[in-house]
């Protein structure tokens, strides 16, 4: 598989309180006003950067998610893994995963005990949309193209320990056993890391589980039942509240999604905590999928596009967005977790733009 053709780099400049953020970028979206919206898997907000020079973004502003939708609490991280925008809504998703405590490498006895502890952070079970107009987020506002239509911030209805999506999946023949076992993220447990939105249709890419080499993309549709609350519509067979799309990503899991017209662009990477290839795929005609589907790379619908450059121990691609660059009709902005030290300047980090075929 050829390595992606690097068109350019973009400098993201944050304020001087955000040094940790430079190595924790997990999601990105470009809105029509030109703003870049950045998510981190360690924080309780989203970051907005505005264009200040060609291929330089700054004027950093942070928005607390709790100002727009209700969180479970004010302590747990959301673990934002996907951001997208459509029709003046900024959408975001948490990982919906559990996590295992890390060994710190100082006391073997304590580390062994820590590795037995699996933790649930409730704010990770967040799927939300927030009105975005001219680079600002609102709890509610009029639609700029239709003043009689109100845009309202809302999130998928919560349950006591998760939300409606997890409750619906508990009895699923493929995913239910993984949810019941509470397998952590990065251990082939249930873990959302991709988000793409078209109207009320939401595609959620799973880093895990990967089933005998097949990755899974969930498709749901939502509707607002009352201000601030979204529910799931029946869209699958026999009244199912979701569809499942199985894709052969060479044994990799989904790390991010974005829509290019009617196609899904899929960023794929290792499900486990492993060093390995990060690869971009295109699933053609994703908006036309009927029922549950399965696509191999011989189907004519799923194609590997390019590999990202491999860097051991750093530059783990986490977020992507379509991005205009150097007159190319299609190009793809990629942001990284654990960015290489050579990318980092004072309060700023360089990210990449690749040609997308």
Protein backbone atom coordinates (compact mmCIF):
# COMPACT_ATOMS: atom_id res chain seq x y z
CA UNK A 1 0.00 0.00 0.00
CA UNK A 2 1.54 3.39 -1.00
CA UNK A 3 2.26 5.98 1.66
CA UNK A 4 0.01 9.03 1.59
CA UNK A 5 1.15 12.03 -0.44
CA UNK A 6 1.81 14.89 2.00
CA UNK A 7 0.50 18.14 0.53
CA UNK A 8 1.20 20.51 3.39
CA UNK A 9 1.36 20.98 7.14
CA UNK A 10 -0.88 23.19 9.27
CA UNK A 11 0.22 24.91 12.48
CA UNK A 12 -2.26 24.79 15.35
CA UNK A 13 -1.44 27.46 17.93
CA UNK A 14 -3.01 27.15 21.39
CA UNK A 15 -2.86 29.48 24.39
CA UNK A 16 -0.15 29.15 26.99
CA UNK A 17 -2.27 27.03 29.35
CA UNK A 18 -2.61 24.18 26.87
CA UNK A 19 0.83 22.52 26.78
CA UNK A 20 -0.64 19.10 27.60
CA UNK A 21 -3.21 19.45 24.82
CA UNK A 22 -0.52 19.48 22.13
CA UNK A 23 0.01 15.73 22.58
CA UNK A 24 -3.63 14.80 23.21
CA UNK A 25 -5.47 15.64 19.99
CA UNK A 26 -8.13 13.02 19.33
CA UNK A 27 -10.65 14.59 16.91
CA UNK A 28 -10.98 17.50 14.49
CA UNK A 29 -13.69 19.10 12.34
CA UNK A 30 -13.70 22.09 9.99
CA UNK A 31 -16.87 24.20 10.02
CA UNK A 32 -18.03 26.37 7.09
CA UNK A 33 -16.91 29.61 8.79
CA UNK A 34 -13.32 28.32 8.62
CA UNK A 35 -12.94 27.36 12.28
CA UNK A 36 -11.17 24.19 13.32
CA UNK A 37 -12.73 22.38 16.27
CA UNK A 38 -10.43 20.12 18.25
CA UNK A 39 -11.27 17.38 20.74
CA UNK A 40 -9.03 15.84 23.36
CA UNK A 41 -9.51 12.53 25.16
CA UNK A 42 -8.47 14.08 28.48
CA UNK A 43 -10.71 17.15 28.83
CA UNK A 44 -14.32 18.24 29.40
CA UNK A 45 -14.50 20.73 26.54
CA UNK A 46 -13.78 21.38 22.89
CA UNK A 47 -11.25 23.82 21.46
CA UNK A 48 -11.85 26.30 18.64
CA UNK A 49 -9.05 27.65 16.49
CA UNK A 50 -9.53 30.34 13.83
CA UNK A 51 -7.47 30.97 10.69
CA UNK A 52 -4.98 33.80 11.30
CA UNK A 53 -2.62 33.23 8.35
CA UNK A 54 -2.55 30.69 5.51
CA UNK A 55 -2.19 27.27 7.16
CA UNK A 56 -1.87 28.79 10.62
CA UNK A 57 -4.72 28.60 13.14
CA UNK A 58 -4.87 30.42 16.47
CA UNK A 59 -7.13 32.68 18.59
CA UNK A 60 -7.70 29.65 20.78
CA UNK A 61 -10.97 29.48 22.72
CA UNK A 62 -12.22 26.62 24.87
CA UNK A 63 -15.90 25.73 25.28
CA UNK A 64 -17.06 23.63 28.25
CA UNK A 65 -19.49 20.94 27.08
CA UNK A 66 -21.43 21.23 30.37
CA UNK A 67 -22.47 24.76 29.37
CA UNK A 68 -24.61 23.26 26.60
CA UNK A 69 -25.69 19.73 27.58
CA UNK A 70 -26.03 17.88 30.86
CA UNK A 71 -23.12 15.62 31.79
CA UNK A 72 -23.27 12.82 34.33
CA UNK A 73 -20.84 14.76 36.54
CA UNK A 74 -18.14 17.45 36.47
CA UNK A 75 -15.19 15.17 37.22
CA UNK A 76 -14.98 12.31 34.70
CA UNK A 77 -13.34 12.94 31.35
CA UNK A 78 -15.58 12.68 28.28
CA UNK A 79 -12.85 10.96 26.28
CA UNK A 80 -13.88 12.79 23.10
CA UNK A 81 -13.00 10.52 20.18
CA UNK A 82 -15.04 11.97 17.33
CA UNK A 83 -16.21 15.40 16.13
CA UNK A 84 -18.23 16.27 13.04
CA UNK A 85 -20.52 19.04 11.85
CA UNK A 86 -23.61 19.12 9.68
CA UNK A 87 -26.42 21.65 9.19
CA UNK A 88 -25.07 24.06 11.84
CA UNK A 89 -24.63 21.41 14.51
CA UNK A 90 -21.30 20.40 16.01
CA UNK A 91 -21.53 16.73 16.97
CA UNK A 92 -19.23 14.91 19.36
CA UNK A 93 -18.97 11.47 20.90
CA UNK A 94 -17.23 10.01 23.89
CA UNK A 95 -15.64 6.58 23.66
CA UNK A 96 -18.48 4.76 25.50
CA UNK A 97 -15.72 2.52 26.91
CA UNK A 98 -14.32 1.30 30.19
CA UNK A 99 -10.61 1.61 30.95
CA UNK A 100 -8.01 -0.36 32.85
CA UNK A 101 -5.64 1.42 35.21
CA UNK A 102 -2.05 1.71 34.02
CA UNK A 103 1.05 0.22 35.55
CA UNK A 104 3.27 3.13 36.61
CA UNK A 105 6.53 1.20 36.64
CA UNK A 106 7.56 2.12 40.19
CA UNK A 107 6.17 -0.58 42.47
CA UNK A 108 5.57 -4.04 40.91
CA UNK A 109 3.14 -5.11 43.65
CA UNK A 110 1.01 -1.98 43.22
CA UNK A 111 1.21 -2.23 39.44
CA UNK A 112 -0.08 -5.81 39.47
CA UNK A 113 -3.00 -4.65 41.61
CA UNK A 114 -3.66 -1.66 39.37
CA UNK A 115 -3.83 -3.90 36.31
CA UNK A 116 -6.75 -5.76 37.90
CA UNK A 117 -8.84 -2.59 38.21
CA UNK A 118 -11.29 -1.63 35.45
CA UNK A 119 -12.94 1.77 35.78
CA UNK A 120 -16.13 3.23 34.31
CA UNK A 121 -16.25 7.00 33.77
CA UNK A 122 -19.86 7.92 33.02
CA UNK A 123 -19.16 11.03 30.95
CA UNK A 124 -17.67 8.76 28.29
CA UNK A 125 -21.27 7.74 27.43
CA UNK A 126 -21.96 11.01 25.66
CA UNK A 127 -23.28 11.54 22.14
CA UNK A 128 -24.22 15.19 21.72
CA UNK A 129 -24.92 17.93 19.21
CA UNK A 130 -24.46 21.65 19.84
CA UNK A 131 -25.59 24.50 17.55
CA UNK A 132 -22.60 26.19 15.90
CA UNK A 133 -22.99 29.47 14.01
CA UNK A 134 -20.11 31.66 12.83
CA UNK A 135 -17.62 30.01 15.14
CA UNK A 136 -19.75 30.20 18.29
CA UNK A 137 -21.58 27.48 20.19
CA UNK A 138 -25.09 28.00 21.55
CA UNK A 139 -27.47 26.16 23.85
CA UNK A 140 -30.23 27.22 21.45
CA UNK A 141 -30.51 29.69 18.58
CA UNK A 142 -32.36 30.31 15.33
CA UNK A 143 -31.17 28.46 12.23
CA UNK A 144 -29.23 31.05 10.18
CA UNK A 145 -30.88 29.87 6.94
CA UNK A 146 -34.39 29.53 8.40
CA UNK A 147 -35.21 31.89 11.31
CA UNK A 148 -38.42 29.96 12.05
CA UNK A 149 -36.39 26.83 12.88
CA UNK A 150 -34.71 26.61 16.27
CA UNK A 151 -31.46 24.77 16.79
CA UNK A 152 -31.11 23.19 20.24
CA UNK A 153 -28.22 21.52 22.03
CA UNK A 154 -29.09 17.95 22.99
CA UNK A 155 -27.55 14.61 23.89
CA UNK A 156 -28.63 11.00 23.58
CA UNK A 157 -30.84 10.08 26.52
CA UNK A 158 -28.89 8.78 29.50
CA UNK A 159 -29.60 5.66 31.49
CA UNK A 160 -28.41 5.08 35.04
CA UNK A 161 -24.96 3.85 33.96
CA UNK A 162 -24.72 4.60 30.23
CA UNK A 163 -27.20 5.72 27.52
CA UNK A 164 -29.85 4.41 25.12
CA UNK A 165 -27.30 3.14 22.61
CA UNK A 166 -25.51 0.91 25.10
CA UNK A 167 -28.86 -0.31 26.46
CA UNK A 168 -29.95 -1.24 22.92
CA UNK A 169 -26.69 -3.09 22.24
CA UNK A 170 -26.69 -5.18 25.41
CA UNK A 171 -28.70 -7.93 23.71
CA UNK A 172 -26.86 -7.73 20.40
CA UNK A 173 -25.46 -11.09 19.28
CA UNK A 174 -22.13 -9.56 18.24
CA UNK A 175 -21.59 -6.71 20.68
CA UNK A 176 -23.63 -7.69 23.72
CA UNK A 177 -21.04 -10.13 25.14
CA UNK A 178 -18.30 -7.48 24.99
CA UNK A 179 -20.48 -4.92 26.76
CA UNK A 180 -21.52 -7.43 29.42
CA UNK A 181 -17.90 -8.35 30.08
CA UNK A 182 -16.92 -4.65 30.46
CA UNK A 183 -13.76 -5.28 28.47
CA UNK A 184 -11.70 -2.08 28.47
CA UNK A 185 -10.79 0.02 25.47
CA UNK A 186 -7.53 -0.96 23.76
CA UNK A 187 -8.19 -4.59 24.80
CA UNK A 188 -10.74 -5.34 22.04
CA UNK A 189 -13.50 -4.03 24.29
CA UNK A 190 -16.35 -1.86 23.05
CA UNK A 191 -14.81 1.48 22.09
CA UNK A 192 -16.21 4.22 19.81
CA UNK A 193 -13.50 6.22 18.05
CA UNK A 194 -15.16 7.38 14.84
CA UNK A 195 -18.02 9.79 14.12
CA UNK A 196 -19.62 11.00 10.90
CA UNK A 197 -23.02 12.69 10.62
CA UNK A 198 -25.48 13.35 7.80
CA UNK A 199 -28.65 15.07 9.00
CA UNK A 200 -30.04 12.86 11.76
CA UNK A 201 -28.03 9.84 10.62
CA UNK A 202 -24.98 9.10 12.73
CA UNK A 203 -22.17 6.68 11.88
CA UNK A 204 -20.08 5.45 14.82
CA UNK A 205 -16.85 3.62 14.10
CA UNK A 206 -15.66 1.03 16.61
CA UNK A 207 -12.00 0.63 17.46
CA UNK A 208 -13.16 -2.53 19.16
CA UNK A 209 -14.32 -5.13 19.12
CA UNK A 210 -12.84 -6.43 15.89
CA UNK A 211 -14.43 -9.82 15.14
CA UNK A 212 -12.18 -12.30 13.32
CA UNK A 213 -10.62 -9.38 11.47
CA UNK A 214 -13.89 -7.55 10.74
CA UNK A 215 -14.30 -4.01 12.08
CA UNK A 216 -17.75 -2.59 12.80
CA UNK A 217 -19.43 0.71 11.98
CA UNK A 218 -22.74 1.35 13.73
CA UNK A 219 -25.43 3.47 12.07
CA UNK A 220 -28.20 5.12 14.08
CA UNK A 221 -30.81 7.83 13.53
CA UNK A 222 -31.83 10.22 16.27
CA UNK A 223 -34.73 12.55 16.94
CA UNK A 224 -35.33 15.10 19.64
CA UNK A 225 -38.13 14.04 22.00
CA UNK A 226 -37.87 17.06 24.29
CA UNK A 227 -35.50 20.00 24.51
CA UNK A 228 -32.03 18.68 25.26
CA UNK A 229 -32.83 14.99 24.79
CA UNK A 230 -32.31 12.74 21.76
CA UNK A 231 -33.74 9.26 21.31
CA UNK A 232 -33.10 6.48 18.79
CA UNK A 233 -35.37 5.88 15.81
CA UNK A 234 -36.19 2.41 14.51
CA UNK A 235 -34.06 1.94 11.40
CA UNK A 236 -32.95 -1.68 11.29
CA UNK A 237 -34.74 -4.92 10.56
CA UNK A 238 -37.56 -5.90 12.94
CA UNK A 239 -37.55 -2.51 14.61
CA UNK A 240 -33.85 -2.48 15.48
CA UNK A 241 -32.53 0.83 16.75
CA UNK A 242 -29.24 0.51 14.84
CA UNK A 243 -27.56 -1.05 11.84
CA UNK A 244 -24.21 -2.82 11.78
CA UNK A 245 -21.78 -2.49 8.89
CA UNK A 246 -18.89 -4.95 8.93
CA UNK A 247 -15.77 -3.91 6.99
CA UNK A 248 -12.48 -5.65 6.28
CA UNK A 249 -9.80 -3.17 7.32
CA UNK A 250 -6.94 -5.68 7.24
CA UNK A 251 -7.63 -6.62 10.85
CA UNK A 252 -7.52 -3.01 12.08
CA UNK A 253 -10.20 -1.16 14.03
CA UNK A 254 -11.81 2.18 13.20
CA UNK A 255 -10.00 5.20 14.60
CA UNK A 256 -12.03 7.97 12.91
CA UNK A 257 -14.61 8.61 10.19
CA UNK A 258 -15.63 11.47 7.93
CA UNK A 259 -17.99 11.80 4.99
CA UNK A 260 -16.81 12.71 1.51
CA UNK A 261 -20.05 13.18 -0.40
CA UNK A 262 -21.85 9.84 -0.03
CA UNK A 263 -18.65 7.93 0.82
CA UNK A 264 -17.22 7.23 4.26
CA UNK A 265 -13.52 7.88 4.74
CA UNK A 266 -12.23 5.51 7.41
CA UNK A 267 -9.06 5.94 9.42
CA UNK A 268 -8.00 2.51 10.68
CA UNK A 269 -5.41 1.45 13.22
CA UNK A 270 -4.58 -1.27 15.76
CA UNK A 271 -7.31 -2.16 18.23
CA UNK A 272 -4.86 -3.06 21.00
CA UNK A 273 -2.07 -0.93 22.43
CA UNK A 274 0.31 -1.81 19.62
CA UNK A 275 2.65 -0.05 17.25
CA UNK A 276 1.41 -0.63 13.73
CA UNK A 277 0.14 0.66 10.44
CA UNK A 278 -2.46 3.43 10.23
CA UNK A 279 -4.40 3.10 6.99
CA UNK A 280 -7.08 5.16 5.22
CA UNK A 281 -10.00 3.40 3.48
CA UNK A 282 -12.97 4.57 1.42
CA UNK A 283 -16.40 2.92 1.75
CA UNK A 284 -18.37 3.94 -1.34
CA UNK A 285 -22.04 4.85 -1.17
CA UNK A 286 -22.30 4.70 2.61
CA UNK A 287 -25.44 6.83 2.58
CA UNK A 288 -27.22 4.18 0.48
CA UNK A 289 -26.63 1.18 2.75
CA UNK A 290 -29.74 -0.90 3.48
CA UNK A 291 -29.91 -3.08 6.58
CA UNK A 292 -26.86 -4.76 8.08
CA UNK A 293 -23.99 -5.08 5.58
CA UNK A 294 -20.60 -6.72 5.16
CA UNK A 295 -17.95 -5.48 2.73
CA UNK A 296 -14.63 -7.08 1.92
CA UNK A 297 -12.00 -5.35 -0.17
CA UNK A 298 -13.06 -7.47 -3.16
CA UNK A 299 -16.61 -6.08 -3.02
CA UNK A 300 -15.96 -3.03 -5.20
CA UNK A 301 -17.32 -0.84 -2.38
CA UNK A 302 -14.37 -0.82 0.06
CA UNK A 303 -10.90 0.32 -1.00
CA UNK A 304 -7.64 0.94 0.82
CA UNK A 305 -6.45 4.43 -0.19
CA UNK A 306 -3.06 4.98 1.48
CA UNK A 307 -0.97 4.31 4.56
CA UNK A 308 0.07 7.04 6.94
CA UNK A 309 3.82 7.35 7.57
CA UNK A 310 4.82 5.01 10.41
CA UNK A 311 6.56 6.46 13.47
CA UNK A 312 7.29 4.17 16.41
CA UNK A 313 6.08 5.50 19.75
CA UNK A 314 4.55 8.72 18.41
CA UNK A 315 2.29 10.32 15.76
CA UNK A 316 -0.74 8.11 16.43
CA UNK A 317 -3.35 9.43 14.00
CA UNK A 318 -6.62 10.06 15.84
CA UNK A 319 -8.67 12.67 13.97
CA UNK A 320 -9.37 13.62 10.37
CA UNK A 321 -11.42 16.12 8.40
CA UNK A 322 -11.79 17.15 4.79
CA UNK A 323 -9.67 20.27 4.33
CA UNK A 324 -9.10 22.49 1.26
CA UNK A 325 -5.40 22.64 0.39
CA UNK A 326 -3.35 23.99 -2.53
CA UNK A 327 -6.28 23.80 -4.92
CA UNK A 328 -6.65 20.04 -4.54
CA UNK A 329 -10.27 18.91 -5.02
CA UNK A 330 -9.88 16.45 -2.14
CA UNK A 331 -7.48 16.57 0.78
CA UNK A 332 -7.52 15.24 4.31
CA UNK A 333 -6.36 16.94 7.51
CA UNK A 334 -4.95 14.47 10.07
CA UNK A 335 -4.22 15.26 13.73
CA UNK A 336 -2.22 13.10 16.12
CA UNK A 337 -2.14 11.88 19.66
CA UNK A 338 1.41 11.59 21.09
CA UNK A 339 2.78 13.95 18.45
CA UNK A 340 6.47 13.61 17.64
CA UNK A 341 8.63 16.20 19.42
CA UNK A 342 9.69 17.60 16.04
CA UNK A 343 6.09 18.71 15.42
CA UNK A 344 5.85 20.76 18.60
CA UNK A 345 6.75 24.41 18.99
CA UNK A 346 5.97 26.63 21.95
CA UNK A 347 2.19 26.27 22.48
CA UNK A 348 1.76 24.96 18.92
CA UNK A 349 1.80 21.71 16.99
CA UNK A 350 2.11 20.85 13.28
CA UNK A 351 -0.46 18.53 11.74
CA UNK A 352 -0.62 17.05 8.23
CA UNK A 353 -2.70 17.42 5.07
CA UNK A 354 -2.68 14.47 2.62
CA UNK A 355 -4.06 14.17 -0.89
CA UNK A 356 -7.24 12.11 -0.84
CA UNK A 357 -7.97 10.11 -3.99
